[in-house]
């Protein structure tokens, strides 16, 4: 996972969504 480039590209989009649900 650390070596995967797709996770580095996807994480900036996924983290705000997760933050929205947890803050809600």
PDBML (XML) file of the C-alpha atoms, coordinates in Angstrom:
<?xml version="1.0" encoding="UTF-8" ?>
<PDBx:datablock datablockName="MODEL"
   xmlns:PDBx="http://pdbml.pdb.org/schema/pdbx-v50.xsd"
   xmlns:xsi="http://www.w3.org/2001/XMLSchema-instance"
   xsi:schemaLocation="http://pdbml.pdb.org/schema/pdbx-v50.xsd pdbx-v50.xsd">
   <PDBx:atom_siteCategory>
      <PDBx:atom_site id="1">
         <PDBx:B_iso_or_equiv>0.00</PDBx:B_iso_or_equiv>
         <PDBx:Cartn_x>0.000</PDBx:Cartn_x>
         <PDBx:Cartn_y>0.000</PDBx:Cartn_y>
         <PDBx:Cartn_z>0.000</PDBx:Cartn_z>
         <PDBx:auth_asym_id>A</PDBx:auth_asym_id>
         <PDBx:auth_atom_id>CA</PDBx:auth_atom_id>
         <PDBx:auth_comp_id>UNK</PDBx:auth_comp_id>
         <PDBx:auth_seq_id>1</PDBx:auth_seq_id>
         <PDBx:group_PDB>ATOM</PDBx:group_PDB>
         <PDBx:label_alt_id xsi:nil="true" />
         <PDBx:label_asym_id>A</PDBx:label_asym_id>
         <PDBx:label_atom_id>CA</PDBx:label_atom_id>
         <PDBx:label_comp_id>UNK</PDBx:label_comp_id>
         <PDBx:label_entity_id>1</PDBx:label_entity_id>
         <PDBx:label_seq_id>1</PDBx:label_seq_id>
         <PDBx:occupancy>1.00</PDBx:occupancy>
         <PDBx:pdbx_PDB_model_num>1</PDBx:pdbx_PDB_model_num>
         <PDBx:type_symbol>C</PDBx:type_symbol>
      </PDBx:atom_site>
      <PDBx:atom_site id="2">
         <PDBx:B_iso_or_equiv>0.00</PDBx:B_iso_or_equiv>
         <PDBx:Cartn_x>2.846</PDBx:Cartn_x>
         <PDBx:Cartn_y>2.365</PDBx:Cartn_y>
         <PDBx:Cartn_z>0.795</PDBx:Cartn_z>
         <PDBx:auth_asym_id>A</PDBx:auth_asym_id>
         <PDBx:auth_atom_id>CA</PDBx:auth_atom_id>
         <PDBx:auth_comp_id>UNK</PDBx:auth_comp_id>
         <PDBx:auth_seq_id>2</PDBx:auth_seq_id>
         <PDBx:group_PDB>ATOM</PDBx:group_PDB>
         <PDBx:label_alt_id xsi:nil="true" />
         <PDBx:label_asym_id>A</PDBx:label_asym_id>
         <PDBx:label_atom_id>CA</PDBx:label_atom_id>
         <PDBx:label_comp_id>UNK</PDBx:label_comp_id>
         <PDBx:label_entity_id>1</PDBx:label_entity_id>
         <PDBx:label_seq_id>2</PDBx:label_seq_id>
         <PDBx:occupancy>1.00</PDBx:occupancy>
         <PDBx:pdbx_PDB_model_num>1</PDBx:pdbx_PDB_model_num>
         <PDBx:type_symbol>C</PDBx:type_symbol>
      </PDBx:atom_site>
      <PDBx:atom_site id="3">
         <PDBx:B_iso_or_equiv>0.00</PDBx:B_iso_or_equiv>
         <PDBx:Cartn_x>4.428</PDBx:Cartn_x>
         <PDBx:Cartn_y>1.657</PDBx:Cartn_y>
         <PDBx:Cartn_z>-2.575</PDBx:Cartn_z>
         <PDBx:auth_asym_id>A</PDBx:auth_asym_id>
         <PDBx:auth_atom_id>CA</PDBx:auth_atom_id>
         <PDBx:auth_comp_id>UNK</PDBx:auth_comp_id>
         <PDBx:auth_seq_id>3</PDBx:auth_seq_id>
         <PDBx:group_PDB>ATOM</PDBx:group_PDB>
         <PDBx:label_alt_id xsi:nil="true" />
         <PDBx:label_asym_id>A</PDBx:label_asym_id>
         <PDBx:label_atom_id>CA</PDBx:label_atom_id>
         <PDBx:label_comp_id>UNK</PDBx:label_comp_id>
         <PDBx:label_entity_id>1</PDBx:label_entity_id>
         <PDBx:label_seq_id>3</PDBx:label_seq_id>
         <PDBx:occupancy>1.00</PDBx:occupancy>
         <PDBx:pdbx_PDB_model_num>1</PDBx:pdbx_PDB_model_num>
         <PDBx:type_symbol>C</PDBx:type_symbol>
      </PDBx:atom_site>
      <PDBx:atom_site id="4">
         <PDBx:B_iso_or_equiv>0.00</PDBx:B_iso_or_equiv>
         <PDBx:Cartn_x>1.160</PDBx:Cartn_x>
         <PDBx:Cartn_y>1.963</PDBx:Cartn_y>
         <PDBx:Cartn_z>-4.465</PDBx:Cartn_z>
         <PDBx:auth_asym_id>A</PDBx:auth_asym_id>
         <PDBx:auth_atom_id>CA</PDBx:auth_atom_id>
         <PDBx:auth_comp_id>UNK</PDBx:auth_comp_id>
         <PDBx:auth_seq_id>4</PDBx:auth_seq_id>
         <PDBx:group_PDB>ATOM</PDBx:group_PDB>
         <PDBx:label_alt_id xsi:nil="true" />
         <PDBx:label_asym_id>A</PDBx:label_asym_id>
         <PDBx:label_atom_id>CA</PDBx:label_atom_id>
         <PDBx:label_comp_id>UNK</PDBx:label_comp_id>
         <PDBx:label_entity_id>1</PDBx:label_entity_id>
         <PDBx:label_seq_id>4</PDBx:label_seq_id>
         <PDBx:occupancy>1.00</PDBx:occupancy>
         <PDBx:pdbx_PDB_model_num>1</PDBx:pdbx_PDB_model_num>
         <PDBx:type_symbol>C</PDBx:type_symbol>
      </PDBx:atom_site>
      <PDBx:atom_site id="5">
         <PDBx:B_iso_or_equiv>0.00</PDBx:B_iso_or_equiv>
         <PDBx:Cartn_x>0.880</PDBx:Cartn_x>
         <PDBx:Cartn_y>5.143</PDBx:Cartn_y>
         <PDBx:Cartn_z>-6.473</PDBx:Cartn_z>
         <PDBx:auth_asym_id>A</PDBx:auth_asym_id>
         <PDBx:auth_atom_id>CA</PDBx:auth_atom_id>
         <PDBx:auth_comp_id>UNK</PDBx:auth_comp_id>
         <PDBx:auth_seq_id>5</PDBx:auth_seq_id>
         <PDBx:group_PDB>ATOM</PDBx:group_PDB>
         <PDBx:label_alt_id xsi:nil="true" />
         <PDBx:label_asym_id>A</PDBx:label_asym_id>
         <PDBx:label_atom_id>CA</PDBx:label_atom_id>
         <PDBx:label_comp_id>UNK</PDBx:label_comp_id>
         <PDBx:label_entity_id>1</PDBx:label_entity_id>
         <PDBx:label_seq_id>5</PDBx:label_seq_id>
         <PDBx:occupancy>1.00</PDBx:occupancy>
         <PDBx:pdbx_PDB_model_num>1</PDBx:pdbx_PDB_model_num>
         <PDBx:type_symbol>C</PDBx:type_symbol>
      </PDBx:atom_site>
      <PDBx:atom_site id="6">
         <PDBx:B_iso_or_equiv>0.00</PDBx:B_iso_or_equiv>
         <PDBx:Cartn_x>-2.888</PDBx:Cartn_x>
         <PDBx:Cartn_y>4.821</PDBx:Cartn_y>
         <PDBx:Cartn_z>-6.815</PDBx:Cartn_z>
         <PDBx:auth_asym_id>A</PDBx:auth_asym_id>
         <PDBx:auth_atom_id>CA</PDBx:auth_atom_id>
         <PDBx:auth_comp_id>UNK</PDBx:auth_comp_id>
         <PDBx:auth_seq_id>6</PDBx:auth_seq_id>
         <PDBx:group_PDB>ATOM</PDBx:group_PDB>
         <PDBx:label_alt_id xsi:nil="true" />
         <PDBx:label_asym_id>A</PDBx:label_asym_id>
         <PDBx:label_atom_id>CA</PDBx:label_atom_id>
         <PDBx:label_comp_id>UNK</PDBx:label_comp_id>
         <PDBx:label_entity_id>1</PDBx:label_entity_id>
         <PDBx:label_seq_id>6</PDBx:label_seq_id>
         <PDBx:occupancy>1.00</PDBx:occupancy>
         <PDBx:pdbx_PDB_model_num>1</PDBx:pdbx_PDB_model_num>
         <PDBx:type_symbol>C</PDBx:type_symbol>
      </PDBx:atom_site>
      <PDBx:atom_site id="7">
         <PDBx:B_iso_or_equiv>0.00</PDBx:B_iso_or_equiv>
         <PDBx:Cartn_x>-3.376</PDBx:Cartn_x>
         <PDBx:Cartn_y>5.153</PDBx:Cartn_y>
         <PDBx:Cartn_z>-3.071</PDBx:Cartn_z>
         <PDBx:auth_asym_id>A</PDBx:auth_asym_id>
         <PDBx:auth_atom_id>CA</PDBx:auth_atom_id>
         <PDBx:auth_comp_id>UNK</PDBx:auth_comp_id>
         <PDBx:auth_seq_id>7</PDBx:auth_seq_id>
         <PDBx:group_PDB>ATOM</PDBx:group_PDB>
         <PDBx:label_alt_id xsi:nil="true" />
         <PDBx:label_asym_id>A</PDBx:label_asym_id>
         <PDBx:label_atom_id>CA</PDBx:label_atom_id>
         <PDBx:label_comp_id>UNK</PDBx:label_comp_id>
         <PDBx:label_entity_id>1</PDBx:label_entity_id>
         <PDBx:label_seq_id>7</PDBx:label_seq_id>
         <PDBx:occupancy>1.00</PDBx:occupancy>
         <PDBx:pdbx_PDB_model_num>1</PDBx:pdbx_PDB_model_num>
         <PDBx:type_symbol>C</PDBx:type_symbol>
      </PDBx:atom_site>
      <PDBx:atom_site id="8">
         <PDBx:B_iso_or_equiv>0.00</PDBx:B_iso_or_equiv>
         <PDBx:Cartn_x>-1.323</PDBx:Cartn_x>
         <PDBx:Cartn_y>8.348</PDBx:Cartn_y>
         <PDBx:Cartn_z>-3.126</PDBx:Cartn_z>
         <PDBx:auth_asym_id>A</PDBx:auth_asym_id>
         <PDBx:auth_atom_id>CA</PDBx:auth_atom_id>
         <PDBx:auth_comp_id>UNK</PDBx:auth_comp_id>
         <PDBx:auth_seq_id>8</PDBx:auth_seq_id>
         <PDBx:group_PDB>ATOM</PDBx:group_PDB>
         <PDBx:label_alt_id xsi:nil="true" />
         <PDBx:label_asym_id>A</PDBx:label_asym_id>
         <PDBx:label_atom_id>CA</PDBx:label_atom_id>
         <PDBx:label_comp_id>UNK</PDBx:label_comp_id>
         <PDBx:label_entity_id>1</PDBx:label_entity_id>
         <PDBx:label_seq_id>8</PDBx:label_seq_id>
         <PDBx:occupancy>1.00</PDBx:occupancy>
         <PDBx:pdbx_PDB_model_num>1</PDBx:pdbx_PDB_model_num>
         <PDBx:type_symbol>C</PDBx:type_symbol>
      </PDBx:atom_site>
      <PDBx:atom_site id="9">
         <PDBx:B_iso_or_equiv>0.00</PDBx:B_iso_or_equiv>
         <PDBx:Cartn_x>-3.581</PDBx:Cartn_x>
         <PDBx:Cartn_y>9.698</PDBx:Cartn_y>
         <PDBx:Cartn_z>-5.859</PDBx:Cartn_z>
         <PDBx:auth_asym_id>A</PDBx:auth_asym_id>
         <PDBx:auth_atom_id>CA</PDBx:auth_atom_id>
         <PDBx:auth_comp_id>UNK</PDBx:auth_comp_id>
         <PDBx:auth_seq_id>9</PDBx:auth_seq_id>
         <PDBx:group_PDB>ATOM</PDBx:group_PDB>
         <PDBx:label_alt_id xsi:nil="true" />
         <PDBx:label_asym_id>A</PDBx:label_asym_id>
         <PDBx:label_atom_id>CA</PDBx:label_atom_id>
         <PDBx:label_comp_id>UNK</PDBx:label_comp_id>
         <PDBx:label_entity_id>1</PDBx:label_entity_id>
         <PDBx:label_seq_id>9</PDBx:label_seq_id>
         <PDBx:occupancy>1.00</PDBx:occupancy>
         <PDBx:pdbx_PDB_model_num>1</PDBx:pdbx_PDB_model_num>
         <PDBx:type_symbol>C</PDBx:type_symbol>
      </PDBx:atom_site>
      <PDBx:atom_site id="10">
         <PDBx:B_iso_or_equiv>0.00</PDBx:B_iso_or_equiv>
         <PDBx:Cartn_x>-6.863</PDBx:Cartn_x>
         <PDBx:Cartn_y>8.619</PDBx:Cartn_y>
         <PDBx:Cartn_z>-4.248</PDBx:Cartn_z>
         <PDBx:auth_asym_id>A</PDBx:auth_asym_id>
         <PDBx:auth_atom_id>CA</PDBx:auth_atom_id>
         <PDBx:auth_comp_id>UNK</PDBx:auth_comp_id>
         <PDBx:auth_seq_id>10</PDBx:auth_seq_id>
         <PDBx:group_PDB>ATOM</PDBx:group_PDB>
         <PDBx:label_alt_id xsi:nil="true" />
         <PDBx:label_asym_id>A</PDBx:label_asym_id>
         <PDBx:label_atom_id>CA</PDBx:label_atom_id>
         <PDBx:label_comp_id>UNK</PDBx:label_comp_id>
         <PDBx:label_entity_id>1</PDBx:label_entity_id>
         <PDBx:label_seq_id>10</PDBx:label_seq_id>
         <PDBx:occupancy>1.00</PDBx:occupancy>
         <PDBx:pdbx_PDB_model_num>1</PDBx:pdbx_PDB_model_num>
         <PDBx:type_symbol>C</PDBx:type_symbol>
      </PDBx:atom_site>
      <PDBx:atom_site id="11">
         <PDBx:B_iso_or_equiv>0.00</PDBx:B_iso_or_equiv>
         <PDBx:Cartn_x>-6.229</PDBx:Cartn_x>
         <PDBx:Cartn_y>9.480</PDBx:Cartn_y>
         <PDBx:Cartn_z>-0.563</PDBx:Cartn_z>
         <PDBx:auth_asym_id>A</PDBx:auth_asym_id>
         <PDBx:auth_atom_id>CA</PDBx:auth_atom_id>
         <PDBx:auth_comp_id>UNK</PDBx:auth_comp_id>
         <PDBx:auth_seq_id>11</PDBx:auth_seq_id>
         <PDBx:group_PDB>ATOM</PDBx:group_PDB>
         <PDBx:label_alt_id xsi:nil="true" />
         <PDBx:label_asym_id>A</PDBx:label_asym_id>
         <PDBx:label_atom_id>CA</PDBx:label_atom_id>
         <PDBx:label_comp_id>UNK</PDBx:label_comp_id>
         <PDBx:label_entity_id>1</PDBx:label_entity_id>
         <PDBx:label_seq_id>11</PDBx:label_seq_id>
         <PDBx:occupancy>1.00</PDBx:occupancy>
         <PDBx:pdbx_PDB_model_num>1</PDBx:pdbx_PDB_model_num>
         <PDBx:type_symbol>C</PDBx:type_symbol>
      </PDBx:atom_site>
      <PDBx:atom_site id="12">
         <PDBx:B_iso_or_equiv>0.00</PDBx:B_iso_or_equiv>
         <PDBx:Cartn_x>-6.524</PDBx:Cartn_x>
         <PDBx:Cartn_y>13.298</PDBx:Cartn_y>
         <PDBx:Cartn_z>-0.976</PDBx:Cartn_z>
         <PDBx:auth_asym_id>A</PDBx:auth_asym_id>
         <PDBx:auth_atom_id>CA</PDBx:auth_atom_id>
         <PDBx:auth_comp_id>UNK</PDBx:auth_comp_id>
         <PDBx:auth_seq_id>12</PDBx:auth_seq_id>
         <PDBx:group_PDB>ATOM</PDBx:group_PDB>
         <PDBx:label_alt_id xsi:nil="true" />
         <PDBx:label_asym_id>A</PDBx:label_asym_id>
         <PDBx:label_atom_id>CA</PDBx:label_atom_id>
         <PDBx:label_comp_id>UNK</PDBx:label_comp_id>
         <PDBx:label_entity_id>1</PDBx:label_entity_id>
         <PDBx:label_seq_id>12</PDBx:label_seq_id>
         <PDBx:occupancy>1.00</PDBx:occupancy>
         <PDBx:pdbx_PDB_model_num>1</PDBx:pdbx_PDB_model_num>
         <PDBx:type_symbol>C</PDBx:type_symbol>
      </PDBx:atom_site>
      <PDBx:atom_site id="13">
         <PDBx:B_iso_or_equiv>0.00</PDBx:B_iso_or_equiv>
         <PDBx:Cartn_x>-10.062</PDBx:Cartn_x>
         <PDBx:Cartn_y>12.754</PDBx:Cartn_y>
         <PDBx:Cartn_z>-2.290</PDBx:Cartn_z>
         <PDBx:auth_asym_id>A</PDBx:auth_asym_id>
         <PDBx:auth_atom_id>CA</PDBx:auth_atom_id>
         <PDBx:auth_comp_id>UNK</PDBx:auth_comp_id>
         <PDBx:auth_seq_id>13</PDBx:auth_seq_id>
         <PDBx:group_PDB>ATOM</PDBx:group_PDB>
         <PDBx:label_alt_id xsi:nil="true" />
         <PDBx:label_asym_id>A</PDBx:label_asym_id>
         <PDBx:label_atom_id>CA</PDBx:label_atom_id>
         <PDBx:label_comp_id>UNK</PDBx:label_comp_id>
         <PDBx:label_entity_id>1</PDBx:label_entity_id>
         <PDBx:label_seq_id>13</PDBx:label_seq_id>
         <PDBx:occupancy>1.00</PDBx:occupancy>
         <PDBx:pdbx_PDB_model_num>1</PDBx:pdbx_PDB_model_num>
         <PDBx:type_symbol>C</PDBx:type_symbol>
      </PDBx:atom_site>
      <PDBx:atom_site id="14">
         <PDBx:B_iso_or_equiv>0.00</PDBx:B_iso_or_equiv>
         <PDBx:Cartn_x>-11.111</PDBx:Cartn_x>
         <PDBx:Cartn_y>10.088</PDBx:Cartn_y>
         <PDBx:Cartn_z>0.206</PDBx:Cartn_z>
         <PDBx:auth_asym_id>A</PDBx:auth_asym_id>
         <PDBx:auth_atom_id>CA</PDBx:auth_atom_id>
         <PDBx:auth_comp_id>UNK</PDBx:auth_comp_id>
         <PDBx:auth_seq_id>14</PDBx:auth_seq_id>
         <PDBx:group_PDB>ATOM</PDBx:group_PDB>
         <PDBx:label_alt_id xsi:nil="true" />
         <PDBx:label_asym_id>A</PDBx:label_asym_id>
         <PDBx:label_atom_id>CA</PDBx:label_atom_id>
         <PDBx:label_comp_id>UNK</PDBx:label_comp_id>
         <PDBx:label_entity_id>1</PDBx:label_entity_id>
         <PDBx:label_seq_id>14</PDBx:label_seq_id>
         <PDBx:occupancy>1.00</PDBx:occupancy>
         <PDBx:pdbx_PDB_model_num>1</PDBx:pdbx_PDB_model_num>
         <PDBx:type_symbol>C</PDBx:type_symbol>
      </PDBx:atom_site>
      <PDBx:atom_site id="15">
         <PDBx:B_iso_or_equiv>0.00</PDBx:B_iso_or_equiv>
         <PDBx:Cartn_x>-9.879</PDBx:Cartn_x>
         <PDBx:Cartn_y>11.733</PDBx:Cartn_y>
         <PDBx:Cartn_z>3.416</PDBx:Cartn_z>
         <PDBx:auth_asym_id>A</PDBx:auth_asym_id>
         <PDBx:auth_atom_id>CA</PDBx:auth_atom_id>
         <PDBx:auth_comp_id>UNK</PDBx:auth_comp_id>
         <PDBx:auth_seq_id>15</PDBx:auth_seq_id>
         <PDBx:group_PDB>ATOM</PDBx:group_PDB>
         <PDBx:label_alt_id xsi:nil="true" />
         <PDBx:label_asym_id>A</PDBx:label_asym_id>
         <PDBx:label_atom_id>CA</PDBx:label_atom_id>
         <PDBx:label_comp_id>UNK</PDBx:label_comp_id>
         <PDBx:label_entity_id>1</PDBx:label_entity_id>
         <PDBx:label_seq_id>15</PDBx:label_seq_id>
         <PDBx:occupancy>1.00</PDBx:occupancy>
         <PDBx:pdbx_PDB_model_num>1</PDBx:pdbx_PDB_model_num>
         <PDBx:type_symbol>C</PDBx:type_symbol>
      </PDBx:atom_site>
      <PDBx:atom_site id="16">
         <PDBx:B_iso_or_equiv>0.00</PDBx:B_iso_or_equiv>
         <PDBx:Cartn_x>-12.162</PDBx:Cartn_x>
         <PDBx:Cartn_y>14.809</PDBx:Cartn_y>
         <PDBx:Cartn_z>3.225</PDBx:Cartn_z>
         <PDBx:auth_asym_id>A</PDBx:auth_asym_id>
         <PDBx:auth_atom_id>CA</PDBx:auth_atom_id>
         <PDBx:auth_comp_id>UNK</PDBx:auth_comp_id>
         <PDBx:auth_seq_id>16</PDBx:auth_seq_id>
         <PDBx:group_PDB>ATOM</PDBx:group_PDB>
         <PDBx:label_alt_id xsi:nil="true" />
         <PDBx:label_asym_id>A</PDBx:label_asym_id>
         <PDBx:label_atom_id>CA</PDBx:label_atom_id>
         <PDBx:label_comp_id>UNK</PDBx:label_comp_id>
         <PDBx:label_entity_id>1</PDBx:label_entity_id>
         <PDBx:label_seq_id>16</PDBx:label_seq_id>
         <PDBx:occupancy>1.00</PDBx:occupancy>
         <PDBx:pdbx_PDB_model_num>1</PDBx:pdbx_PDB_model_num>
         <PDBx:type_symbol>C</PDBx:type_symbol>
      </PDBx:atom_site>
      <PDBx:atom_site id="17">
         <PDBx:B_iso_or_equiv>0.00</PDBx:B_iso_or_equiv>
         <PDBx:Cartn_x>-15.174</PDBx:Cartn_x>
         <PDBx:Cartn_y>12.559</PDBx:Cartn_y>
         <PDBx:Cartn_z>2.646</PDBx:Cartn_z>
         <PDBx:auth_asym_id>A</PDBx:auth_asym_id>
         <PDBx:auth_atom_id>CA</PDBx:auth_atom_id>
         <PDBx:auth_comp_id>UNK</PDBx:auth_comp_id>
         <PDBx:auth_seq_id>17</PDBx:auth_seq_id>
         <PDBx:group_PDB>ATOM</PDBx:group_PDB>
         <PDBx:label_alt_id xsi:nil="true" />
         <PDBx:label_asym_id>A</PDBx:label_asym_id>
         <PDBx:label_atom_id>CA</PDBx:label_atom_id>
         <PDBx:label_comp_id>UNK</PDBx:label_comp_id>
         <PDBx:label_entity_id>1</PDBx:label_entity_id>
         <PDBx:label_seq_id>17</PDBx:label_seq_id>
         <PDBx:occupancy>1.00</PDBx:occupancy>
         <PDBx:pdbx_PDB_model_num>1</PDBx:pdbx_PDB_model_num>
         <PDBx:type_symbol>C</PDBx:type_symbol>
      </PDBx:atom_site>
      <PDBx:atom_site id="18">
         <PDBx:B_iso_or_equiv>0.00</PDBx:B_iso_or_equiv>
         <PDBx:Cartn_x>-14.299</PDBx:Cartn_x>
         <PDBx:Cartn_y>10.426</PDBx:Cartn_y>
         <PDBx:Cartn_z>5.658</PDBx:Cartn_z>
         <PDBx:auth_asym_id>A</PDBx:auth_asym_id>
         <PDBx:auth_atom_id>CA</PDBx:auth_atom_id>
         <PDBx:auth_comp_id>UNK</PDBx:auth_comp_id>
         <PDBx:auth_seq_id>18</PDBx:auth_seq_id>
         <PDBx:group_PDB>ATOM</PDBx:group_PDB>
         <PDBx:label_alt_id xsi:nil="true" />
         <PDBx:label_asym_id>A</PDBx:label_asym_id>
         <PDBx:label_atom_id>CA</PDBx:label_atom_id>
         <PDBx:label_comp_id>UNK</PDBx:label_comp_id>
         <PDBx:label_entity_id>1</PDBx:label_entity_id>
         <PDBx:label_seq_id>18</PDBx:label_seq_id>
         <PDBx:occupancy>1.00</PDBx:occupancy>
         <PDBx:pdbx_PDB_model_num>1</PDBx:pdbx_PDB_model_num>
         <PDBx:type_symbol>C</PDBx:type_symbol>
      </PDBx:atom_site>
      <PDBx:atom_site id="19">
         <PDBx:B_iso_or_equiv>0.00</PDBx:B_iso_or_equiv>
         <PDBx:Cartn_x>-13.672</PDBx:Cartn_x>
         <PDBx:Cartn_y>13.574</PDBx:Cartn_y>
         <PDBx:Cartn_z>7.699</PDBx:Cartn_z>
         <PDBx:auth_asym_id>A</PDBx:auth_asym_id>
         <PDBx:auth_atom_id>CA</PDBx:auth_atom_id>
         <PDBx:auth_comp_id>UNK</PDBx:auth_comp_id>
         <PDBx:auth_seq_id>19</PDBx:auth_seq_id>
         <PDBx:group_PDB>ATOM</PDBx:group_PDB>
         <PDBx:label_alt_id xsi:nil="true" />
         <PDBx:label_asym_id>A</PDBx:label_asym_id>
         <PDBx:label_atom_id>CA</PDBx:label_atom_id>
         <PDBx:label_comp_id>UNK</PDBx:label_comp_id>
         <PDBx:label_entity_id>1</PDBx:label_entity_id>
         <PDBx:label_seq_id>19</PDBx:label_seq_id>
         <PDBx:occupancy>1.00</PDBx:occupancy>
         <PDBx:pdbx_PDB_model_num>1</PDBx:pdbx_PDB_model_num>
         <PDBx:type_symbol>C</PDBx:type_symbol>
      </PDBx:atom_site>
      <PDBx:atom_site id="20">
         <PDBx:B_iso_or_equiv>0.00</PDBx:B_iso_or_equiv>
         <PDBx:Cartn_x>-17.094</PDBx:Cartn_x>
         <PDBx:Cartn_y>14.900</PDBx:Cartn_y>
         <PDBx:Cartn_z>6.749</PDBx:Cartn_z>
         <PDBx:auth_asym_id>A</PDBx:auth_asym_id>
         <PDBx:auth_atom_id>CA</PDBx:auth_atom_id>
         <PDBx:auth_comp_id>UNK</PDBx:auth_comp_id>
         <PDBx:auth_seq_id>20</PDBx:auth_seq_id>
         <PDBx:group_PDB>ATOM</PDBx:group_PDB>
         <PDBx:label_alt_id xsi:nil="true" />
         <PDBx:label_asym_id>A</PDBx:label_asym_id>
         <PDBx:label_atom_id>CA</PDBx:label_atom_id>
         <PDBx:label_comp_id>UNK</PDBx:label_comp_id>
         <PDBx:label_entity_id>1</PDBx:label_entity_id>
         <PDBx:label_seq_id>20</PDBx:label_seq_id>
         <PDBx:occupancy>1.00</PDBx:occupancy>
         <PDBx:pdbx_PDB_model_num>1</PDBx:pdbx_PDB_model_num>
         <PDBx:type_symbol>C</PDBx:type_symbol>
      </PDBx:atom_site>
      <PDBx:atom_site id="21">
         <PDBx:B_iso_or_equiv>0.00</PDBx:B_iso_or_equiv>
         <PDBx:Cartn_x>-18.858</PDBx:Cartn_x>
         <PDBx:Cartn_y>11.760</PDBx:Cartn_y>
         <PDBx:Cartn_z>7.946</PDBx:Cartn_z>
         <PDBx:auth_asym_id>A</PDBx:auth_asym_id>
         <PDBx:auth_atom_id>CA</PDBx:auth_atom_id>
         <PDBx:auth_comp_id>UNK</PDBx:auth_comp_id>
         <PDBx:auth_seq_id>21</PDBx:auth_seq_id>
         <PDBx:group_PDB>ATOM</PDBx:group_PDB>
         <PDBx:label_alt_id xsi:nil="true" />
         <PDBx:label_asym_id>A</PDBx:label_asym_id>
         <PDBx:label_atom_id>CA</PDBx:label_atom_id>
         <PDBx:label_comp_id>UNK</PDBx:label_comp_id>
         <PDBx:label_entity_id>1</PDBx:label_entity_id>
         <PDBx:label_seq_id>21</PDBx:label_seq_id>
         <PDBx:occupancy>1.00</PDBx:occupancy>
         <PDBx:pdbx_PDB_model_num>1</PDBx:pdbx_PDB_model_num>
         <PDBx:type_symbol>C</PDBx:type_symbol>
      </PDBx:atom_site>
      <PDBx:atom_site id="22">
         <PDBx:B_iso_or_equiv>0.00</PDBx:B_iso_or_equiv>
         <PDBx:Cartn_x>-16.873</PDBx:Cartn_x>
         <PDBx:Cartn_y>11.508</PDBx:Cartn_y>
         <PDBx:Cartn_z>11.187</PDBx:Cartn_z>
         <PDBx:auth_asym_id>A</PDBx:auth_asym_id>
         <PDBx:auth_atom_id>CA</PDBx:auth_atom_id>
         <PDBx:auth_comp_id>UNK</PDBx:auth_comp_id>
         <PDBx:auth_seq_id>22</PDBx:auth_seq_id>
         <PDBx:group_PDB>ATOM</PDBx:group_PDB>
         <PDBx:label_alt_id xsi:nil="true" />
         <PDBx:label_asym_id>A</PDBx:label_asym_id>
         <PDBx:label_atom_id>CA</PDBx:label_atom_id>
         <PDBx:label_comp_id>UNK</PDBx:label_comp_id>
         <PDBx:label_entity_id>1</PDBx:label_entity_id>
         <PDBx:label_seq_id>22</PDBx:label_seq_id>
         <PDBx:occupancy>1.00</PDBx:occupancy>
         <PDBx:pdbx_PDB_model_num>1</PDBx:pdbx_PDB_model_num>
         <PDBx:type_symbol>C</PDBx:type_symbol>
      </PDBx:atom_site>
      <PDBx:atom_site id="23">
         <PDBx:B_iso_or_equiv>0.00</PDBx:B_iso_or_equiv>
         <PDBx:Cartn_x>-17.368</PDBx:Cartn_x>
         <PDBx:Cartn_y>15.196</PDBx:Cartn_y>
         <PDBx:Cartn_z>11.987</PDBx:Cartn_z>
         <PDBx:auth_asym_id>A</PDBx:auth_asym_id>
         <PDBx:auth_atom_id>CA</PDBx:auth_atom_id>
         <PDBx:auth_comp_id>UNK</PDBx:auth_comp_id>
         <PDBx:auth_seq_id>23</PDBx:auth_seq_id>
         <PDBx:group_PDB>ATOM</PDBx:group_PDB>
         <PDBx:label_alt_id xsi:nil="true" />
         <PDBx:label_asym_id>A</PDBx:label_asym_id>
         <PDBx:label_atom_id>CA</PDBx:label_atom_id>
         <PDBx:label_comp_id>UNK</PDBx:label_comp_id>
         <PDBx:label_entity_id>1</PDBx:label_entity_id>
         <PDBx:label_seq_id>23</PDBx:label_seq_id>
         <PDBx:occupancy>1.00</PDBx:occupancy>
         <PDBx:pdbx_PDB_model_num>1</PDBx:pdbx_PDB_model_num>
         <PDBx:type_symbol>C</PDBx:type_symbol>
      </PDBx:atom_site>
      <PDBx:atom_site id="24">
         <PDBx:B_iso_or_equiv>0.00</PDBx:B_iso_or_equiv>
         <PDBx:Cartn_x>-21.071</PDBx:Cartn_x>
         <PDBx:Cartn_y>14.852</PDBx:Cartn_y>
         <PDBx:Cartn_z>11.307</PDBx:Cartn_z>
         <PDBx:auth_asym_id>A</PDBx:auth_asym_id>
         <PDBx:auth_atom_id>CA</PDBx:auth_atom_id>
         <PDBx:auth_comp_id>UNK</PDBx:auth_comp_id>
         <PDBx:auth_seq_id>24</PDBx:auth_seq_id>
         <PDBx:group_PDB>ATOM</PDBx:group_PDB>
         <PDBx:label_alt_id xsi:nil="true" />
         <PDBx:label_asym_id>A</PDBx:label_asym_id>
         <PDBx:label_atom_id>CA</PDBx:label_atom_id>
         <PDBx:label_comp_id>UNK</PDBx:label_comp_id>
         <PDBx:label_entity_id>1</PDBx:label_entity_id>
         <PDBx:label_seq_id>24</PDBx:label_seq_id>
         <PDBx:occupancy>1.00</PDBx:occupancy>
         <PDBx:pdbx_PDB_model_num>1</PDBx:pdbx_PDB_model_num>
         <PDBx:type_symbol>C</PDBx:type_symbol>
      </PDBx:atom_site>
   </PDBx:atom_siteCategory>
</PDBx:datablock>
